[in-house]
Structures are given as structure tokens and as C-alpha cells.
Amino acid sequence: MNNNHRLLKRSIESLKMIQLEMHDDMDSSKRAELEQIILNLEQCGHNKSPTQLLDLLGKWIAIVPAVERLLKLFSEF
């Protein structure tokens, strides 16, 4: 398994954890959109270029209202 595939797998796992934690903070359309992004990454992530994967992750970042809070949390570690 190459580094990109490992990174993709860990990113998907992280998105799923964040999805669970933020379930109550997002409206149903945002939850559905996040679920679709996760599915896209799982189904065809290994066939996409790094740029396409970053685009999908960028879409996720755009829909999450608490991204700033999460980034601050991660930066504290």
C-alpha cells in the first residue's frame, strides 16, 4: 500500500469520525453532502489524482460550519 493510499484511508476514517461527532451540528442537507463526499472518496479515491482528491476534501471543508474550531483544536496538539 503506497503512502497516498494510506493517507486517503486515514482521511476517510477521520471524516467519518468528524461526521459522527458533528452529526447534531449540521443540517440534513449538509450531512447528506458529507456522506456523498465520503462515499466518493471510498469508491473511487484510488482512481483519482491527488488534485481531484483535494478538491473533494475542499468541498467537505466548505460545508462544515465548525472547521475553524477543529483547526484550532488540531493546532493545540
Protein backbone atom coordinates (compact mmCIF):
# COMPACT_ATOMS: atom_id res chain seq x y z
CA MET A 1 0.00 0.00 0.00
CA ASN A 2 1.56 3.30 -1.04
CA ASN A 3 1.65 6.45 1.06
CA ASN A 4 -1.14 8.16 -0.90
CA HIS A 5 -3.46 5.21 -0.35
CA ARG A 6 -2.68 5.15 3.37
CA LEU A 7 -3.28 8.88 3.62
CA LEU A 8 -6.58 8.53 1.79
CA LYS A 9 -7.68 5.72 4.10
CA ARG A 10 -6.79 7.73 7.22
CA SER A 11 -8.52 10.80 5.82
CA ILE A 12 -11.72 8.84 5.18
CA GLU A 13 -11.60 7.43 8.71
CA SER A 14 -11.12 10.95 10.11
CA LEU A 15 -14.03 12.29 8.06
CA LYS A 16 -16.25 9.51 9.38
CA MET A 17 -15.27 10.32 12.97
CA ILE A 18 -15.91 14.01 12.44
CA GLN A 19 -19.21 13.17 10.77
CA LEU A 20 -20.30 11.27 13.87
CA GLU A 21 -19.13 13.98 16.25
CA MET A 22 -20.78 16.80 14.31
CA HIS A 23 -23.99 14.98 13.44
CA ASP A 24 -26.14 17.24 15.59
CA ASP A 25 -24.37 20.44 14.45
CA MET A 26 -25.14 20.02 10.75
CA ASP A 27 -28.45 20.18 8.96
CA SER A 28 -29.65 17.16 6.99
CA SER A 29 -28.56 18.51 3.59
CA LYS A 30 -25.01 19.06 4.85
CA ARG A 31 -24.94 15.59 6.41
CA ALA A 32 -26.08 14.10 3.09
CA GLU A 33 -23.46 16.07 1.20
CA LEU A 34 -20.72 14.94 3.57
CA GLU A 35 -21.90 11.34 3.26
CA GLN A 36 -21.70 11.63 -0.53
CA ILE A 37 -18.18 13.04 -0.35
CA ILE A 38 -17.09 10.16 1.89
CA LEU A 39 -18.69 7.65 -0.49
CA ASN A 40 -16.94 9.25 -3.47
CA LEU A 41 -13.61 9.03 -1.70
CA GLU A 42 -14.20 5.40 -0.74
CA GLN A 43 -15.47 4.25 -4.13
CA CYS A 44 -13.11 5.93 -6.50
CA GLY A 45 -10.45 7.55 -4.37
CA HIS A 46 -7.68 5.27 -5.55
CA ASN A 47 -8.53 6.13 -9.18
CA LYS A 48 -8.41 9.88 -8.68
CA SER A 49 -5.44 12.18 -8.91
CA PRO A 50 -4.23 13.95 -5.78
CA THR A 51 -5.70 17.18 -7.14
CA GLN A 52 -9.13 15.60 -7.54
CA LEU A 53 -8.95 14.19 -4.01
CA LEU A 54 -8.03 17.59 -2.61
CA ASP A 55 -11.00 19.06 -4.47
CA LEU A 56 -13.32 16.57 -2.76
CA LEU A 57 -11.81 17.34 0.63
CA GLY A 58 -12.16 21.06 -0.12
CA LYS A 59 -15.87 20.54 -0.71
CA TRP A 60 -16.13 18.93 2.71
CA ILE A 61 -14.34 21.81 4.35
CA ALA A 62 -16.73 24.26 2.73
CA ILE A 63 -19.81 22.58 4.23
CA VAL A 64 -18.65 22.18 7.80
CA PRO A 65 -19.52 25.21 9.93
CA ALA A 66 -17.06 24.34 12.68
CA VAL A 67 -13.91 23.94 10.59
CA GLU A 68 -12.21 26.84 12.30
CA ARG A 69 -12.91 25.29 15.70
CA LEU A 70 -11.50 21.95 14.53
CA LEU A 71 -8.39 23.54 13.09
CA LYS A 72 -7.78 25.33 16.37
CA LEU A 73 -8.23 22.06 18.22
CA PHE A 74 -5.73 20.26 15.97
CA SER A 75 -3.23 23.09 16.24
CA GLU A 76 -3.21 22.76 20.04
CA PHE A 77 -1.66 19.30 19.81
